[in-house]
């Protein structure tokens, strides 16, 4: 499927910003992993803008594209008892799933 890169999607976050992944319900389909929901991470990169996978799954081709980001998480924040302090995991998330960490 072709990307809809319009340059019009607002970017609410910058590299280095602390964010928290919203804990939104799954309505049919989502690429947002359950283990990152509610967890604080850091914006590592702004990538591209496109439709959300949820909108594509529902054939909402006229939906507003959103900015996507690479978010870096400390693995010890993702899994209880994770033994290594400095290990990280990165994943791609759209703007709609992120909010300022606030702490």
PDB file of N, CA and C in Angstrom:
ATOM      1  N   UNK A   1       0.854  -1.184   0.000  1.00  0.00           N
ATOM      2  CA  UNK A   1       0.000   0.000   0.000  1.00  0.00           C
ATOM      3  C   UNK A   1       0.889   1.232   0.000  1.00  0.00           C
ATOM      4  N   UNK A   2       0.517   2.211  -0.749  1.00  0.00           N
ATOM      5  CA  UNK A   2       1.294   3.434  -0.876  1.00  0.00           C
ATOM      6  C   UNK A   2       1.111   4.345   0.336  1.00  0.00           C
ATOM      7  N   UNK A   3       2.196   4.925   0.795  1.00  0.00           N
ATOM      8  CA  UNK A   3       2.168   5.855   1.927  1.00  0.00           C
ATOM      9  C   UNK A   3       1.589   7.187   1.500  1.00  0.00           C
ATOM     10  N   UNK A   4       0.873   7.844   2.394  1.00  0.00           N
ATOM     11  CA  UNK A   4       0.284   9.153   2.127  1.00  0.00           C
ATOM     12  C   UNK A   4       1.065  10.214   2.882  1.00  0.00           C
ATOM     13  N   UNK A   5       2.223  10.558   2.427  1.00  0.00           N
ATOM     14  CA  UNK A   5       3.083  11.529   3.097  1.00  0.00           C
ATOM     15  C   UNK A   5       2.712  12.917   2.612  1.00  0.00           C
ATOM     16  N   UNK A   6       2.005  13.659   3.430  1.00  0.00           N
ATOM     17  CA  UNK A   6       1.508  14.955   2.997  1.00  0.00           C
ATOM     18  C   UNK A   6       2.267  16.127   3.581  1.00  0.00           C
ATOM     19  N   UNK A   7       2.983  15.910   4.681  1.00  0.00           N
ATOM     20  CA  UNK A   7       3.661  17.020   5.334  1.00  0.00           C
ATOM     21  C   UNK A   7       2.723  17.878   6.157  1.00  0.00           C
ATOM     22  N   UNK A   8       1.471  17.449   6.337  1.00  0.00           N
ATOM     23  CA  UNK A   8       0.476  18.237   7.061  1.00  0.00           C
ATOM     24  C   UNK A   8       0.170  17.733   8.461  1.00  0.00           C
ATOM     25  N   UNK A   9       0.655  16.567   8.817  1.00  0.00           N
ATOM     26  CA  UNK A   9       0.351  16.015  10.141  1.00  0.00           C
ATOM     27  C   UNK A   9       1.163  16.754  11.199  1.00  0.00           C
ATOM     28  N   UNK A  10       0.509  17.219  12.255  1.00  0.00           N
ATOM     29  CA  UNK A  10       1.266  17.914  13.298  1.00  0.00           C
ATOM     30  C   UNK A  10       2.164  16.948  14.068  1.00  0.00           C
ATOM     31  N   UNK A  11       3.352  17.401  14.380  1.00  0.00           N
ATOM     32  CA  UNK A  11       4.280  16.638  15.212  1.00  0.00           C
ATOM     33  C   UNK A  11       4.224  17.242  16.606  1.00  0.00           C
ATOM     34  N   UNK A  12       3.644  16.527  17.541  1.00  0.00           N
ATOM     35  CA  UNK A  12       3.473  17.033  18.896  1.00  0.00           C
ATOM     36  C   UNK A  12       4.690  16.800  19.778  1.00  0.00           C
ATOM     37  N   UNK A  13       5.648  15.979  19.311  1.00  0.00           N
ATOM     38  CA  UNK A  13       6.806  15.629  20.125  1.00  0.00           C
ATOM     39  C   UNK A  13       8.082  15.801  19.326  1.00  0.00           C
ATOM     40  N   UNK A  14       9.171  16.041  20.053  1.00  0.00           N
ATOM     41  CA  UNK A  14      10.497  16.177  19.465  1.00  0.00           C
ATOM     42  C   UNK A  14      11.423  15.117  20.038  1.00  0.00           C
ATOM     43  N   UNK A  15      12.510  14.865  19.341  1.00  0.00           N
ATOM     44  CA  UNK A  15      13.516  13.911  19.825  1.00  0.00           C
ATOM     45  C   UNK A  15      13.949  14.329  21.231  1.00  0.00           C
ATOM     46  N   UNK A  16      13.969  13.375  22.143  1.00  0.00           N
ATOM     47  CA  UNK A  16      14.346  13.628  23.533  1.00  0.00           C
ATOM     48  C   UNK A  16      13.171  13.829  24.471  1.00  0.00           C
ATOM     49  N   UNK A  17      11.967  14.071  23.947  1.00  0.00           N
ATOM     50  CA  UNK A  17      10.791  14.265  24.801  1.00  0.00           C
ATOM     51  C   UNK A  17      10.425  12.973  25.519  1.00  0.00           C
ATOM     52  N   UNK A  18      10.044  13.093  26.790  1.00  0.00           N
ATOM     53  CA  UNK A  18       9.529  11.947  27.547  1.00  0.00           C
ATOM     54  C   UNK A  18       8.042  11.818  27.280  1.00  0.00           C
ATOM     55  N   UNK A  19       7.615  10.616  26.923  1.00  0.00           N
ATOM     56  CA  UNK A  19       6.216  10.353  26.603  1.00  0.00           C
ATOM     57  C   UNK A  19       5.752   9.108  27.345  1.00  0.00           C
ATOM     58  N   UNK A  20       4.456   8.961  27.420  1.00  0.00           N
ATOM     59  CA  UNK A  20       3.844   7.749  27.959  1.00  0.00           C
ATOM     60  C   UNK A  20       2.900   7.224  26.889  1.00  0.00           C
ATOM     61  N   UNK A  21       2.897   5.905  26.708  1.00  0.00           N
ATOM     62  CA  UNK A  21       1.993   5.284  25.750  1.00  0.00           C
ATOM     63  C   UNK A  21       0.622   5.176  26.412  1.00  0.00           C
ATOM     64  N   UNK A  22      -0.384   5.672  25.735  1.00  0.00           N
ATOM     65  CA  UNK A  22      -1.741   5.594  26.269  1.00  0.00           C
ATOM     66  C   UNK A  22      -2.184   4.136  26.337  1.00  0.00           C
ATOM     67  N   UNK A  23      -3.035   3.853  27.294  1.00  0.00           N
ATOM     68  CA  UNK A  23      -3.589   2.506  27.454  1.00  0.00           C
ATOM     69  C   UNK A  23      -4.996   2.503  26.871  1.00  0.00           C
ATOM     70  N   UNK A  24      -5.070   2.568  25.535  1.00  0.00           N
ATOM     71  CA  UNK A  24      -6.353   2.605  24.835  1.00  0.00           C
ATOM     72  C   UNK A  24      -6.843   1.180  24.563  1.00  0.00           C
ATOM     73  N   UNK A  25      -8.147   1.003  24.413  1.00  0.00           N
ATOM     74  CA  UNK A  25      -8.670  -0.336  24.124  1.00  0.00           C
ATOM     75  C   UNK A  25      -8.370  -0.746  22.679  1.00  0.00           C
ATOM     76  N   UNK A  26      -8.289  -2.050  22.468  1.00  0.00           N
ATOM     77  CA  UNK A  26      -8.196  -2.587  21.111  1.00  0.00           C
ATOM     78  C   UNK A  26      -9.596  -2.648  20.532  1.00  0.00           C
ATOM     79  N   UNK A  27      -9.788  -1.978  19.418  1.00  0.00           N
ATOM     80  CA  UNK A  27     -11.058  -2.072  18.710  1.00  0.00           C
ATOM     81  C   UNK A  27     -10.769  -2.716  17.362  1.00  0.00           C
ATOM     82  N   UNK A  28     -10.824  -4.009  17.311  1.00  0.00           N
ATOM     83  CA  UNK A  28     -10.599  -4.818  16.127  1.00  0.00           C
ATOM     84  C   UNK A  28      -9.125  -5.045  15.845  1.00  0.00           C
ATOM     85  N   UNK A  29      -8.313  -3.960  15.775  1.00  0.00           N
ATOM     86  CA  UNK A  29      -6.926  -4.135  15.355  1.00  0.00           C
ATOM     87  C   UNK A  29      -6.072  -2.984  15.867  1.00  0.00           C
ATOM     88  N   UNK A  30      -4.865  -3.304  16.275  1.00  0.00           N
ATOM     89  CA  UNK A  30      -3.887  -2.287  16.647  1.00  0.00           C
ATOM     90  C   UNK A  30      -2.503  -2.890  16.543  1.00  0.00           C
ATOM     91  N   UNK A  31      -1.535  -2.077  16.104  1.00  0.00           N
ATOM     92  CA  UNK A  31      -0.143  -2.515  16.104  1.00  0.00           C
ATOM     93  C   UNK A  31       0.577  -2.100  17.377  1.00  0.00           C
ATOM     94  N   UNK A  32      -0.107  -1.429  18.283  1.00  0.00           N
ATOM     95  CA  UNK A  32       0.531  -0.986  19.521  1.00  0.00           C
ATOM     96  C   UNK A  32       0.577  -2.152  20.506  1.00  0.00           C
ATOM     97  N   UNK A  33       1.785  -2.564  20.852  1.00  0.00           N
ATOM     98  CA  UNK A  33       1.972  -3.731  21.709  1.00  0.00           C
ATOM     99  C   UNK A  33       1.419  -3.474  23.111  1.00  0.00           C
ATOM    100  N   UNK A  34       0.839  -4.508  23.681  1.00  0.00           N
ATOM    101  CA  UNK A  34       0.268  -4.404  25.023  1.00  0.00           C
ATOM    102  C   UNK A  34       1.336  -4.079  26.063  1.00  0.00           C
ATOM    103  N   UNK A  35       2.548  -4.614  25.902  1.00  0.00           N
ATOM    104  CA  UNK A  35       3.576  -4.438  26.931  1.00  0.00           C
ATOM    105  C   UNK A  35       4.149  -3.032  27.004  1.00  0.00           C
ATOM    106  N   UNK A  36       3.863  -2.159  26.030  1.00  0.00           N
ATOM    107  CA  UNK A  36       4.339  -0.776  26.128  1.00  0.00           C
ATOM    108  C   UNK A  36       3.249   0.172  26.624  1.00  0.00           C
ATOM    109  N   UNK A  37       2.028  -0.286  26.706  1.00  0.00           N
ATOM    110  CA  UNK A  37       0.921   0.582  27.118  1.00  0.00           C
ATOM    111  C   UNK A  37       1.065   0.988  28.579  1.00  0.00           C
ATOM    112  N   UNK A  38       0.981   2.289  28.814  1.00  0.00           N
ATOM    113  CA  UNK A  38       1.129   2.827  30.159  1.00  0.00           C
ATOM    114  C   UNK A  38       2.568   3.051  30.579  1.00  0.00           C
ATOM    115  N   UNK A  39       3.522   2.726  29.713  1.00  0.00           N
ATOM    116  CA  UNK A  39       4.947   2.808  30.053  1.00  0.00           C
ATOM    117  C   UNK A  39       5.547   4.094  29.491  1.00  0.00           C
ATOM    118  N   UNK A  40       6.474   4.655  30.241  1.00  0.00           N
ATOM    119  CA  UNK A  40       7.166   5.877  29.839  1.00  0.00           C
ATOM    120  C   UNK A  40       8.368   5.543  28.966  1.00  0.00           C
ATOM    121  N   UNK A  41       8.556   6.347  27.911  1.00  0.00           N
ATOM    122  CA  UNK A  41       9.695   6.181  27.027  1.00  0.00           C
ATOM    123  C   UNK A  41      10.172   7.533  26.533  1.00  0.00           C
ATOM    124  N   UNK A  42      11.154   7.520  25.663  1.00  0.00           N
ATOM    125  CA  UNK A  42      11.758   8.730  25.123  1.00  0.00           C
ATOM    126  C   UNK A  42      11.667   8.707  23.605  1.00  0.00           C
ATOM    127  N   UNK A  43      11.282   9.834  23.015  1.00  0.00           N
ATOM    128  CA  UNK A  43      11.252   9.939  21.561  1.00  0.00           C
ATOM    129  C   UNK A  43      12.695   9.859  21.052  1.00  0.00           C
ATOM    130  N   UNK A  44      12.976   8.839  20.239  1.00  0.00           N
ATOM    131  CA  UNK A  44      14.316   8.650  19.678  1.00  0.00           C
ATOM    132  C   UNK A  44      14.408   9.243  18.277  1.00  0.00           C
ATOM    133  N   UNK A  45      13.279   9.283  17.552  1.00  0.00           N
ATOM    134  CA  UNK A  45      13.279   9.836  16.191  1.00  0.00           C
ATOM    135  C   UNK A  45      11.847  10.115  15.758  1.00  0.00           C
ATOM    136  N   UNK A  46      11.708  11.118  14.902  1.00  0.00           N
ATOM    137  CA  UNK A  46      10.458  11.332  14.165  1.00  0.00           C
ATOM    138  C   UNK A  46      10.655  10.656  12.826  1.00  0.00           C
ATOM    139  N   UNK A  47       9.740   9.813  12.410  1.00  0.00           N
ATOM    140  CA  UNK A  47       9.970   9.043  11.202  1.00  0.00           C
ATOM    141  C   UNK A  47       9.199   9.592   9.998  1.00  0.00           C
ATOM    142  N   UNK A  48       7.933   9.309   9.890  1.00  0.00           N
ATOM    143  CA  UNK A  48       7.137   9.677   8.722  1.00  0.00           C
ATOM    144  C   UNK A  48       5.713   9.928   9.180  1.00  0.00           C
ATOM    145  N   UNK A  49       4.880  10.328   8.263  1.00  0.00           N
ATOM    146  CA  UNK A  49       3.458  10.434   8.577  1.00  0.00           C
ATOM    147  C   UNK A  49       2.677   9.576   7.599  1.00  0.00           C
ATOM    148  N   UNK A  50       1.624   8.977   8.119  1.00  0.00           N
ATOM    149  CA  UNK A  50       0.802   8.077   7.315  1.00  0.00           C
ATOM    150  C   UNK A  50      -0.492   7.824   8.073  1.00  0.00           C
ATOM    151  N   UNK A  51      -1.381   7.049   7.443  1.00  0.00           N
ATOM    152  CA  UNK A  51      -2.592   6.637   8.134  1.00  0.00           C
ATOM    153  C   UNK A  51      -2.237   5.675   9.255  1.00  0.00           C
ATOM    154  N   UNK A  52      -3.045   5.690  10.304  1.00  0.00           N
ATOM    155  CA  UNK A  52      -2.878   4.690  11.359  1.00  0.00           C
ATOM    156  C   UNK A  52      -3.254   3.318  10.816  1.00  0.00           C
ATOM    157  N   UNK A  53      -2.575   2.263  11.262  1.00  0.00           N
ATOM    158  CA  UNK A  53      -2.961   0.921  10.836  1.00  0.00           C
ATOM    159  C   UNK A  53      -4.436   0.626  11.143  1.00  0.00           C
ATOM    160  N   UNK A  54      -4.950   1.161  12.250  1.00  0.00           N
ATOM    161  CA  UNK A  54      -6.355   0.957  12.600  1.00  0.00           C
ATOM    162  C   UNK A  54      -7.273   1.555  11.531  1.00  0.00           C
ATOM    163  N   UNK A  55      -6.917   2.749  11.014  1.00  0.00           N
ATOM    164  CA  UNK A  55      -7.721   3.375   9.964  1.00  0.00           C
ATOM    165  C   UNK A  55      -7.638   2.584   8.666  1.00  0.00           C
ATOM    166  N   UNK A  56      -6.448   2.103   8.347  1.00  0.00           N
ATOM    167  CA  UNK A  56      -6.305   1.287   7.132  1.00  0.00           C
ATOM    168  C   UNK A  56      -7.107  -0.004   7.243  1.00  0.00           C
ATOM    169  N   UNK A  57      -7.115  -0.613   8.425  1.00  0.00           N
ATOM    170  CA  UNK A  57      -7.857  -1.857   8.611  1.00  0.00           C
ATOM    171  C   UNK A  57      -9.350  -1.665   8.386  1.00  0.00           C
ATOM    172  N   UNK A  58      -9.864  -0.480   8.697  1.00  0.00           N
ATOM    173  CA  UNK A  58     -11.287  -0.167   8.521  1.00  0.00           C
ATOM    174  C   UNK A  58     -11.549   0.539   7.190  1.00  0.00           C
ATOM    175  N   UNK A  59     -10.544   0.560   6.293  1.00  0.00           N
ATOM    176  CA  UNK A  59     -10.668   1.208   4.974  1.00  0.00           C
ATOM    177  C   UNK A  59     -11.036   2.682   5.078  1.00  0.00           C
ATOM    178  N   UNK A  60     -10.485   3.360   6.080  1.00  0.00           N
ATOM    179  CA  UNK A  60     -10.706   4.806   6.232  1.00  0.00           C
ATOM    180  C   UNK A  60      -9.598   5.554   5.488  1.00  0.00           C
ATOM    181  N   UNK A  61      -9.612   5.426   4.180  1.00  0.00           N
ATOM    182  CA  UNK A  61      -8.573   6.035   3.362  1.00  0.00           C
ATOM    183  C   UNK A  61      -8.601   7.552   3.384  1.00  0.00           C
ATOM    184  N   UNK A  62      -9.693   8.138   3.834  1.00  0.00           N
ATOM    185  CA  UNK A  62      -9.798   9.596   3.915  1.00  0.00           C
ATOM    186  C   UNK A  62      -9.429  10.131   5.304  1.00  0.00           C
ATOM    187  N   UNK A  63      -8.966   9.249   6.189  1.00  0.00           N
ATOM    188  CA  UNK A  63      -8.576   9.676   7.544  1.00  0.00           C
ATOM    189  C   UNK A  63      -7.352  10.585   7.485  1.00  0.00           C
ATOM    190  N   UNK A  64      -7.184  11.389   8.515  1.00  0.00           N
ATOM    191  CA  UNK A  64      -6.046  12.307   8.607  1.00  0.00           C
ATOM    192  C   UNK A  64      -4.774  11.528   8.923  1.00  0.00           C
ATOM    193  N   UNK A  65      -3.715  11.688   8.125  1.00  0.00           N
ATOM    194  CA  UNK A  65      -2.436  11.048   8.469  1.00  0.00           C
ATOM    195  C   UNK A  65      -1.909  11.571   9.802  1.00  0.00           C
ATOM    196  N   UNK A  66      -1.130  10.753  10.473  1.00  0.00           N
ATOM    197  CA  UNK A  66      -0.520  11.138  11.743  1.00  0.00           C
ATOM    198  C   UNK A  66       0.984  10.961  11.675  1.00  0.00           C
ATOM    199  N   UNK A  67       1.675  11.714  12.527  1.00  0.00           N
ATOM    200  CA  UNK A  67       3.131  11.595  12.656  1.00  0.00           C
ATOM    201  C   UNK A  67       3.446  10.306  13.405  1.00  0.00           C
ATOM    202  N   UNK A  68       4.450   9.573  12.933  1.00  0.00           N
ATOM    203  CA  UNK A  68       4.946   8.379  13.619  1.00  0.00           C
ATOM    204  C   UNK A  68       6.305   8.687  14.225  1.00  0.00           C
ATOM    205  N   UNK A  69       6.611   8.006  15.317  1.00  0.00           N
ATOM    206  CA  UNK A  69       7.847   8.207  16.070  1.00  0.00           C
ATOM    207  C   UNK A  69       8.475   6.858  16.410  1.00  0.00           C
ATOM    208  N   UNK A  70       9.781   6.866  16.602  1.00  0.00           N
ATOM    209  CA  UNK A  70      10.468   5.748  17.238  1.00  0.00           C
ATOM    210  C   UNK A  70      10.595   6.118  18.709  1.00  0.00           C
ATOM    211  N   UNK A  71      10.070   5.262  19.581  1.00  0.00           N
ATOM    212  CA  UNK A  71      10.107   5.506  21.023  1.00  0.00           C
ATOM    213  C   UNK A  71      11.010   4.453  21.655  1.00  0.00           C
ATOM    214  N   UNK A  72      11.921   4.912  22.512  1.00  0.00           N
ATOM    215  CA  UNK A  72      12.873   4.029  23.198  1.00  0.00           C
ATOM    216  C   UNK A  72      12.417   3.826  24.640  1.00  0.00           C
ATOM    217  N   UNK A  73      12.399   2.561  25.066  1.00  0.00           N
ATOM    218  CA  UNK A  73      12.006   2.193  26.423  1.00  0.00           C
ATOM    219  C   UNK A  73      13.154   1.477  27.109  1.00  0.00           C
ATOM    220  N   UNK A  74      13.286   1.673  28.418  1.00  0.00           N
ATOM    221  CA  UNK A  74      14.194   0.844  29.207  1.00  0.00           C
ATOM    222  C   UNK A  74      13.482  -0.495  29.416  1.00  0.00           C
ATOM    223  N   UNK A  75      14.168  -1.583  29.136  1.00  0.00           N
ATOM    224  CA  UNK A  75      13.521  -2.882  29.259  1.00  0.00           C
ATOM    225  C   UNK A  75      13.101  -3.176  30.691  1.00  0.00           C
ATOM    226  N   UNK A  76      13.847  -2.647  31.665  1.00  0.00           N
ATOM    227  CA  UNK A  76      13.461  -2.882  33.065  1.00  0.00           C
ATOM    228  C   UNK A  76      12.132  -2.204  33.402  1.00  0.00           C
ATOM    229  N   UNK A  77      11.719  -1.202  32.598  1.00  0.00           N
ATOM    230  CA  UNK A  77      10.407  -0.577  32.786  1.00  0.00           C
ATOM    231  C   UNK A  77       9.295  -1.398  32.142  1.00  0.00           C
ATOM    232  N   UNK A  78       9.659  -2.287  31.233  1.00  0.00           N
ATOM    233  CA  UNK A  78       8.670  -3.096  30.519  1.00  0.00           C
ATOM    234  C   UNK A  78       8.364  -4.413  31.219  1.00  0.00           C
ATOM    235  N   UNK A  79       9.381  -5.019  31.849  1.00  0.00           N
ATOM    236  CA  UNK A  79       9.209  -6.343  32.432  1.00  0.00           C
ATOM    237  C   UNK A  79       9.740  -6.374  33.853  1.00  0.00           C
ATOM    238  N   UNK A  80       8.883  -6.773  34.784  1.00  0.00           N
ATOM    239  CA  UNK A  80       9.277  -6.896  36.190  1.00  0.00           C
ATOM    240  C   UNK A  80      10.469  -7.842  36.322  1.00  0.00           C
ATOM    241  N   UNK A  81      11.429  -7.420  37.099  1.00  0.00           N
ATOM    242  CA  UNK A  81      12.581  -8.256  37.382  1.00  0.00           C
ATOM    243  C   UNK A  81      13.617  -8.306  36.272  1.00  0.00           C
ATOM    244  N   UNK A  82      13.479  -7.464  35.262  1.00  0.00           N
ATOM    245  CA  UNK A  82      14.485  -7.476  34.192  1.00  0.00           C
ATOM    246  C   UNK A  82      15.823  -7.083  34.809  1.00  0.00           C
ATOM    247  N   UNK A  83      16.880  -7.885  34.606  1.00  0.00           N
ATOM    248  CA  UNK A  83      18.107  -7.713  35.397  1.00  0.00           C
ATOM    249  C   UNK A  83      19.106  -6.663  34.907  1.00  0.00           C
ATOM    250  N   UNK A  84      18.965  -6.142  33.698  1.00  0.00           N
ATOM    251  CA  UNK A  84      20.007  -5.274  33.162  1.00  0.00           C
ATOM    252  C   UNK A  84      19.529  -3.835  33.064  1.00  0.00           C
ATOM    253  N   UNK A  85      20.253  -2.944  33.684  1.00  0.00           N
ATOM    254  CA  UNK A  85      19.875  -1.538  33.826  1.00  0.00           C
ATOM    255  C   UNK A  85      19.824  -0.786  32.500  1.00  0.00           C
ATOM    256  N   UNK A  86      20.762  -1.035  31.599  1.00  0.00           N
ATOM    257  CA  UNK A  86      20.928  -0.191  30.422  1.00  0.00           C
ATOM    258  C   UNK A  86      20.340  -0.746  29.132  1.00  0.00           C
ATOM    259  N   UNK A  87      19.703  -1.899  29.149  1.00  0.00           N
ATOM    260  CA  UNK A  87      19.125  -2.464  27.934  1.00  0.00           C
ATOM    261  C   UNK A  87      17.881  -1.684  27.533  1.00  0.00           C
ATOM    262  N   UNK A  88      17.740  -1.444  26.235  1.00  0.00           N
ATOM    263  CA  UNK A  88      16.586  -0.703  25.738  1.00  0.00           C
ATOM    264  C   UNK A  88      15.890  -1.461  24.614  1.00  0.00           C
ATOM    265  N   UNK A  89      14.675  -1.062  24.343  1.00  0.00           N
ATOM    266  CA  UNK A  89      13.877  -1.584  23.246  1.00  0.00           C
ATOM    267  C   UNK A  89      13.273  -0.384  22.536  1.00  0.00           C
ATOM    268  N   UNK A  90      13.247  -0.404  21.219  1.00  0.00           N
ATOM    269  CA  UNK A  90      12.627   0.672  20.454  1.00  0.00           C
ATOM    270  C   UNK A  90      11.475   0.115  19.641  1.00  0.00           C
ATOM    271  N   UNK A  91      10.421   0.903  19.505  1.00  0.00           N
ATOM    272  CA  UNK A  91       9.299   0.520  18.667  1.00  0.00           C
ATOM    273  C   UNK A  91       8.712   1.779  18.048  1.00  0.00           C
ATOM    274  N   UNK A  92       7.964   1.589  16.995  1.00  0.00           N
ATOM    275  CA  UNK A  92       7.358   2.714  16.282  1.00  0.00           C
ATOM    276  C   UNK A  92       5.913   2.898  16.735  1.00  0.00           C
ATOM    277  N   UNK A  93       5.563   4.152  17.034  1.00  0.00           N
ATOM    278  CA  UNK A  93       4.212   4.455  17.508  1.00  0.00           C
ATOM    279  C   UNK A  93       3.704   5.738  16.854  1.00  0.00           C
ATOM    280  N   UNK A  94       2.390   5.818  16.593  1.00  0.00           N
ATOM    281  CA  UNK A  94       1.816   7.040  16.044  1.00  0.00           C
ATOM    282  C   UNK A  94       1.478   8.035  17.151  1.00  0.00           C
ATOM    283  N   UNK A  95       1.335   9.271  16.754  1.00  0.00           N
ATOM    284  CA  UNK A  95       1.049  10.371  17.675  1.00  0.00           C
ATOM    285  C   UNK A  95      -0.156  10.081  18.574  1.00  0.00           C
ATOM    286  N   UNK A  96      -1.198   9.516  18.028  1.00  0.00           N
ATOM    287  CA  UNK A  96      -2.452   9.284  18.778  1.00  0.00           C
ATOM    288  C   UNK A  96      -2.251   8.430  20.028  1.00  0.00           C
ATOM    289  N   UNK A  97      -1.226   7.582  20.011  1.00  0.00           N
ATOM    290  CA  UNK A  97      -0.994   6.682  21.134  1.00  0.00           C
ATOM    291  C   UNK A  97      -0.098   7.266  22.209  1.00  0.00           C
ATOM    292  N   UNK A  98       0.399   8.501  22.008  1.00  0.00           N
ATOM    293  CA  UNK A  98       1.366   9.076  22.928  1.00  0.00           C
ATOM    294  C   UNK A  98       0.819  10.293  23.650  1.00  0.00           C
ATOM    295  N   UNK A  99       1.313  10.498  24.878  1.00  0.00           N
ATOM    296  CA  UNK A  99       1.006  11.693  25.655  1.00  0.00           C
ATOM    297  C   UNK A  99       2.266  12.103  26.396  1.00  0.00           C
ATOM    298  N   UNK A 100       2.375  13.379  26.779  1.00  0.00           N
ATOM    299  CA  UNK A 100       3.542  13.786  27.577  1.00  0.00           C
ATOM    300  C   UNK A 100       3.619  12.961  28.860  1.00  0.00           C
ATOM    301  N   UNK A 101       4.835  12.570  29.250  1.00  0.00           N
ATOM    302  CA  UNK A 101       5.002  11.703  30.426  1.00  0.00           C
ATOM    303  C   UNK A 101       4.576  12.416  31.706  1.00  0.00           C
ATOM    304  N   UNK A 102       4.863  13.699  31.812  1.00  0.00           N
ATOM    305  CA  UNK A 102       4.389  14.469  32.960  1.00  0.00           C
ATOM    306  C   UNK A 102       5.012  14.121  34.284  1.00  0.00           C
ATOM    307  N   UNK A 103       6.080  13.347  34.303  1.00  0.00           N
ATOM    308  CA  UNK A 103       6.756  13.053  35.580  1.00  0.00           C
ATOM    309  C   UNK A 103       8.229  12.930  35.411  1.00  0.00           C
TER     310      UNK A 103
END
